[in-house]
Amino acid sequence: MAYSEEIKKIRQKCFLSQKTFGRELGVSFSSINRWESGKRKPGISAMKKIKDFCDAQVL
């Protein structure tokens, strides 16, 4: 599964909109949108934020 699909799956599993998920991670809605569409990949700091979010949510 591609990173874009994984990010979308994480967000949807928590019932969050792209805007709300971005707010939780401290990034913009457009960043989440680009990651999920595969146009961009999250950087190292964003990947750490996603990991921390998942750890806190116990996914």
PDB file of N, CA and C in Angstrom:
ATOM      1  N   MET A   1       0.853  -1.177   0.000  1.00  0.00           N
ATOM      2  CA  MET A   1       0.000   0.000   0.000  1.00  0.00           C
ATOM      3  C   MET A   1       0.899   1.241   0.000  1.00  0.00           C
ATOM      4  N   ALA A   2       0.554   2.204  -0.800  1.00  0.00           N
ATOM      5  CA  ALA A   2       1.328   3.440  -0.929  1.00  0.00           C
ATOM      6  C   ALA A   2       1.144   4.334   0.289  1.00  0.00           C
ATOM      7  N   TYR A   3       2.141   5.181   0.527  1.00  0.00           N
ATOM      8  CA  TYR A   3       2.070   6.104   1.668  1.00  0.00           C
ATOM      9  C   TYR A   3       0.802   6.953   1.609  1.00  0.00           C
ATOM     10  N   SER A   4       0.395   7.366   0.407  1.00  0.00           N
ATOM     11  CA  SER A   4      -0.796   8.218   0.285  1.00  0.00           C
ATOM     12  C   SER A   4      -2.049   7.494   0.781  1.00  0.00           C
ATOM     13  N   GLU A   5      -2.146   6.220   0.468  1.00  0.00           N
ATOM     14  CA  GLU A   5      -3.296   5.437   0.921  1.00  0.00           C
ATOM     15  C   GLU A   5      -3.249   5.219   2.428  1.00  0.00           C
ATOM     16  N   GLU A   6      -2.053   5.022   2.964  1.00  0.00           N
ATOM     17  CA  GLU A   6      -1.893   4.830   4.412  1.00  0.00           C
ATOM     18  C   GLU A   6      -2.317   6.076   5.190  1.00  0.00           C
ATOM     19  N   ILE A   7      -1.883   7.236   4.720  1.00  0.00           N
ATOM     20  CA  ILE A   7      -2.237   8.490   5.392  1.00  0.00           C
ATOM     21  C   ILE A   7      -3.752   8.684   5.379  1.00  0.00           C
ATOM     22  N   LYS A   8      -4.357   8.426   4.246  1.00  0.00           N
ATOM     23  CA  LYS A   8      -5.810   8.569   4.137  1.00  0.00           C
ATOM     24  C   LYS A   8      -6.528   7.579   5.062  1.00  0.00           C
ATOM     25  N   LYS A   9      -6.013   6.356   5.127  1.00  0.00           N
ATOM     26  CA  LYS A   9      -6.609   5.332   5.984  1.00  0.00           C
ATOM     27  C   LYS A   9      -6.530   5.733   7.463  1.00  0.00           C
ATOM     28  N   ILE A  10      -5.384   6.268   7.876  1.00  0.00           N
ATOM     29  CA  ILE A  10      -5.215   6.728   9.257  1.00  0.00           C
ATOM     30  C   ILE A  10      -6.233   7.814   9.574  1.00  0.00           C
ATOM     31  N   ARG A  11      -6.335   8.790   8.673  1.00  0.00           N
ATOM     32  CA  ARG A  11      -7.257   9.919   8.881  1.00  0.00           C
ATOM     33  C   ARG A  11      -8.708   9.439   8.961  1.00  0.00           C
ATOM     34  N   GLN A  12      -9.096   8.585   8.031  1.00  0.00           N
ATOM     35  CA  GLN A  12     -10.479   8.117   7.995  1.00  0.00           C
ATOM     36  C   GLN A  12     -10.815   7.218   9.175  1.00  0.00           C
ATOM     37  N   LYS A  13      -9.832   6.460   9.645  1.00  0.00           N
ATOM     38  CA  LYS A  13     -10.060   5.584  10.792  1.00  0.00           C
ATOM     39  C   LYS A  13     -10.395   6.400  12.034  1.00  0.00           C
ATOM     40  N   CYS A  14      -9.884   7.623  12.101  1.00  0.00           N
ATOM     41  CA  CYS A  14     -10.156   8.516  13.238  1.00  0.00           C
ATOM     42  C   CYS A  14     -11.344   9.436  12.972  1.00  0.00           C
ATOM     43  N   PHE A  15     -12.015   9.253  11.826  1.00  0.00           N
ATOM     44  CA  PHE A  15     -13.178  10.061  11.449  1.00  0.00           C
ATOM     45  C   PHE A  15     -12.853  11.552  11.413  1.00  0.00           C
ATOM     46  N   LEU A  16     -11.701  11.900  10.831  1.00  0.00           N
ATOM     47  CA  LEU A  16     -11.280  13.298  10.739  1.00  0.00           C
ATOM     48  C   LEU A  16     -11.333  13.777   9.298  1.00  0.00           C
ATOM     49  N   SER A  17     -11.672  15.046   9.132  1.00  0.00           N
ATOM     50  CA  SER A  17     -11.579  15.665   7.812  1.00  0.00           C
ATOM     51  C   SER A  17     -10.108  15.978   7.554  1.00  0.00           C
ATOM     52  N   GLN A  18      -9.786  16.295   6.322  1.00  0.00           N
ATOM     53  CA  GLN A  18      -8.407  16.675   6.007  1.00  0.00           C
ATOM     54  C   GLN A  18      -8.007  17.921   6.795  1.00  0.00           C
ATOM     55  N   LYS A  19      -8.927  18.845   6.934  1.00  0.00           N
ATOM     56  CA  LYS A  19      -8.660  20.089   7.669  1.00  0.00           C
ATOM     57  C   LYS A  19      -8.358  19.805   9.140  1.00  0.00           C
ATOM     58  N   THR A  20      -9.190  18.971   9.758  1.00  0.00           N
ATOM     59  CA  THR A  20      -9.005  18.643  11.166  1.00  0.00           C
ATOM     60  C   THR A  20      -7.734  17.826  11.382  1.00  0.00           C
ATOM     61  N   PHE A  21      -7.469  16.893  10.491  1.00  0.00           N
ATOM     62  CA  PHE A  21      -6.250  16.086  10.588  1.00  0.00           C
ATOM     63  C   PHE A  21      -5.020  16.986  10.457  1.00  0.00           C
ATOM     64  N   GLY A  22      -5.071  17.922   9.525  1.00  0.00           N
ATOM     65  CA  GLY A  22      -3.975  18.879   9.375  1.00  0.00           C
ATOM     66  C   GLY A  22      -3.761  19.685  10.642  1.00  0.00           C
ATOM     67  N   ARG A  23      -4.843  20.119  11.261  1.00  0.00           N
ATOM     68  CA  ARG A  23      -4.751  20.877  12.510  1.00  0.00           C
ATOM     69  C   ARG A  23      -4.114  20.034  13.607  1.00  0.00           C
ATOM     70  N   GLU A  24      -4.484  18.765  13.676  1.00  0.00           N
ATOM     71  CA  GLU A  24      -3.910  17.854  14.677  1.00  0.00           C
ATOM     72  C   GLU A  24      -2.397  17.686  14.479  1.00  0.00           C
ATOM     73  N   LEU A  25      -1.969  17.680  13.212  1.00  0.00           N
ATOM     74  CA  LEU A  25      -0.554  17.477  12.905  1.00  0.00           C
ATOM     75  C   LEU A  25       0.234  18.781  12.844  1.00  0.00           C
ATOM     76  N   GLY A  26      -0.475  19.891  12.811  1.00  0.00           N
ATOM     77  CA  GLY A  26       0.201  21.179  12.700  1.00  0.00           C
ATOM     78  C   GLY A  26       0.645  21.498  11.290  1.00  0.00           C
ATOM     79  N   VAL A  27      -0.107  20.977  10.313  1.00  0.00           N
ATOM     80  CA  VAL A  27       0.165  21.272   8.898  1.00  0.00           C
ATOM     81  C   VAL A  27      -1.122  21.773   8.251  1.00  0.00           C
ATOM     82  N   SER A  28      -1.016  22.277   7.052  1.00  0.00           N
ATOM     83  CA  SER A  28      -2.188  22.826   6.375  1.00  0.00           C
ATOM     84  C   SER A  28      -3.051  21.729   5.750  1.00  0.00           C
ATOM     85  N   PHE A  29      -4.288  22.093   5.492  1.00  0.00           N
ATOM     86  CA  PHE A  29      -5.212  21.204   4.781  1.00  0.00           C
ATOM     87  C   PHE A  29      -4.620  20.811   3.428  1.00  0.00           C
ATOM     88  N   SER A  30      -4.007  21.779   2.746  1.00  0.00           N
ATOM     89  CA  SER A  30      -3.466  21.499   1.410  1.00  0.00           C
ATOM     90  C   SER A  30      -2.319  20.492   1.458  1.00  0.00           C
ATOM     91  N   SER A  31      -1.561  20.481   2.553  1.00  0.00           N
ATOM     92  CA  SER A  31      -0.500  19.476   2.700  1.00  0.00           C
ATOM     93  C   SER A  31      -1.105  18.079   2.788  1.00  0.00           C
ATOM     94  N   ILE A  32      -2.133  17.943   3.611  1.00  0.00           N
ATOM     95  CA  ILE A  32      -2.810  16.648   3.745  1.00  0.00           C
ATOM     96  C   ILE A  32      -3.371  16.224   2.398  1.00  0.00           C
ATOM     97  N   ASN A  33      -3.983  17.153   1.692  1.00  0.00           N
ATOM     98  CA  ASN A  33      -4.569  16.867   0.390  1.00  0.00           C
ATOM     99  C   ASN A  33      -3.504  16.394  -0.608  1.00  0.00           C
ATOM    100  N   ARG A  34      -2.369  17.057  -0.632  1.00  0.00           N
ATOM    101  CA  ARG A  34      -1.281  16.667  -1.551  1.00  0.00           C
ATOM    102  C   ARG A  34      -0.703  15.300  -1.189  1.00  0.00           C
ATOM    103  N   TRP A  35      -0.582  15.028   0.108  1.00  0.00           N
ATOM    104  CA  TRP A  35      -0.062  13.726   0.529  1.00  0.00           C
ATOM    105  C   TRP A  35      -1.009  12.606   0.117  1.00  0.00           C
ATOM    106  N   GLU A  36      -2.295  12.813   0.356  1.00  0.00           N
ATOM    107  CA  GLU A  36      -3.276  11.776   0.046  1.00  0.00           C
ATOM    108  C   GLU A  36      -3.459  11.563  -1.452  1.00  0.00           C
ATOM    109  N   SER A  37      -3.241  12.604  -2.237  1.00  0.00           N
ATOM    110  CA  SER A  37      -3.383  12.465  -3.687  1.00  0.00           C
ATOM    111  C   SER A  37      -2.100  11.949  -4.332  1.00  0.00           C
ATOM    112  N   GLY A  38      -1.028  11.864  -3.551  1.00  0.00           N
ATOM    113  CA  GLY A  38       0.235  11.354  -4.075  1.00  0.00           C
ATOM    114  C   GLY A  38       1.074  12.392  -4.792  1.00  0.00           C
ATOM    115  N   LYS A  39       0.670  13.658  -4.718  1.00  0.00           N
ATOM    116  CA  LYS A  39       1.423  14.722  -5.389  1.00  0.00           C
ATOM    117  C   LYS A  39       2.710  15.058  -4.645  1.00  0.00           C
ATOM    118  N   ARG A  40       2.700  14.878  -3.341  1.00  0.00           N
ATOM    119  CA  ARG A  40       3.866  15.158  -2.497  1.00  0.00           C
ATOM    120  C   ARG A  40       3.980  14.074  -1.445  1.00  0.00           C
ATOM    121  N   LYS A  41       5.198  13.934  -0.912  1.00  0.00           N
ATOM    122  CA  LYS A  41       5.426  13.025   0.202  1.00  0.00           C
ATOM    123  C   LYS A  41       5.695  13.858   1.447  1.00  0.00           C
ATOM    124  N   PRO A  42       5.217  13.398   2.598  1.00  0.00           N
ATOM    125  CA  PRO A  42       5.509  14.129   3.823  1.00  0.00           C
ATOM    126  C   PRO A  42       7.005  14.068   4.137  1.00  0.00           C
ATOM    127  N   GLY A  43       7.518  15.150   4.686  1.00  0.00           N
ATOM    128  CA  GLY A  43       8.921  15.188   5.081  1.00  0.00           C
ATOM    129  C   GLY A  43       9.130  14.418   6.379  1.00  0.00           C
ATOM    130  N   ILE A  44      10.374  14.371   6.804  1.00  0.00           N
ATOM    131  CA  ILE A  44      10.729  13.642   8.026  1.00  0.00           C
ATOM    132  C   ILE A  44       9.966  14.167   9.246  1.00  0.00           C
ATOM    133  N   SER A  45       9.906  15.486   9.397  1.00  0.00           N
ATOM    134  CA  SER A  45       9.215  16.042  10.577  1.00  0.00           C
ATOM    135  C   SER A  45       7.724  15.721  10.527  1.00  0.00           C
ATOM    136  N   ALA A  46       7.133  15.764   9.348  1.00  0.00           N
ATOM    137  CA  ALA A  46       5.709  15.429   9.220  1.00  0.00           C
ATOM    138  C   ALA A  46       5.474  13.948   9.499  1.00  0.00           C
ATOM    139  N   MET A  47       6.389  13.102   9.055  1.00  0.00           N
ATOM    140  CA  MET A  47       6.251  11.669   9.319  1.00  0.00           C
ATOM    141  C   MET A  47       6.315  11.397  10.826  1.00  0.00           C
ATOM    142  N   LYS A  48       7.167  12.130  11.517  1.00  0.00           N
ATOM    143  CA  LYS A  48       7.254  11.981  12.978  1.00  0.00           C
ATOM    144  C   LYS A  48       5.948  12.419  13.638  1.00  0.00           C
ATOM    145  N   LYS A  49       5.359  13.509  13.140  1.00  0.00           N
ATOM    146  CA  LYS A  49       4.085  13.973  13.683  1.00  0.00           C
ATOM    147  C   LYS A  49       2.984  12.942  13.452  1.00  0.00           C
ATOM    148  N   ILE A  50       2.982  12.320  12.273  1.00  0.00           N
ATOM    149  CA  ILE A  50       1.991  11.283  11.968  1.00  0.00           C
ATOM    150  C   ILE A  50       2.186  10.096  12.906  1.00  0.00           C
ATOM    151  N   LYS A  51       3.438   9.697  13.117  1.00  0.00           N
ATOM    152  CA  LYS A  51       3.735   8.589  14.028  1.00  0.00           C
ATOM    153  C   LYS A  51       3.277   8.914  15.450  1.00  0.00           C
ATOM    154  N   ASP A  52       3.596  10.122  15.908  1.00  0.00           N
ATOM    155  CA  ASP A  52       3.183  10.536  17.253  1.00  0.00           C
ATOM    156  C   ASP A  52       1.658  10.553  17.379  1.00  0.00           C
ATOM    157  N   PHE A  53       0.985  11.016  16.332  1.00  0.00           N
ATOM    158  CA  PHE A  53      -0.478  11.021  16.325  1.00  0.00           C
ATOM    159  C   PHE A  53      -1.015   9.595  16.443  1.00  0.00           C
ATOM    160  N   CYS A  54      -0.455   8.695  15.665  1.00  0.00           N
ATOM    161  CA  CYS A  54      -0.899   7.292  15.711  1.00  0.00           C
ATOM    162  C   CYS A  54      -0.635   6.669  17.073  1.00  0.00           C
ATOM    163  N   ASP A  55       0.513   6.960  17.657  1.00  0.00           N
ATOM    164  CA  ASP A  55       0.832   6.422  18.985  1.00  0.00           C
ATOM    165  C   ASP A  55      -0.168   6.929  20.026  1.00  0.00           C
ATOM    166  N   ALA A  56      -0.533   8.189  19.924  1.00  0.00           N
ATOM    167  CA  ALA A  56      -1.471   8.780  20.873  1.00  0.00           C
ATOM    168  C   ALA A  56      -2.883   8.204  20.688  1.00  0.00           C
ATOM    169  N   GLN A  57      -3.224   7.853  19.458  1.00  0.00           N
ATOM    170  CA  GLN A  57      -4.555   7.318  19.159  1.00  0.00           C
ATOM    171  C   GLN A  57      -4.642   5.818  19.344  1.00  0.00           C
ATOM    172  N   VAL A  58      -3.525   5.164  19.511  1.00  0.00           N
ATOM    173  CA  VAL A  58      -3.423   3.716  19.622  1.00  0.00           C
ATOM    174  C   VAL A  58      -4.090   3.044  18.434  1.00  0.00           C
ATOM    175  N   LEU A  59      -3.593   3.395  17.262  1.00  0.00           N
ATOM    176  CA  LEU A  59      -4.120   2.785  16.030  1.00  0.00           C
ATOM    177  C   LEU A  59      -3.444   1.492  15.835  1.00  0.00           C
TER     178      LEU A  59
END
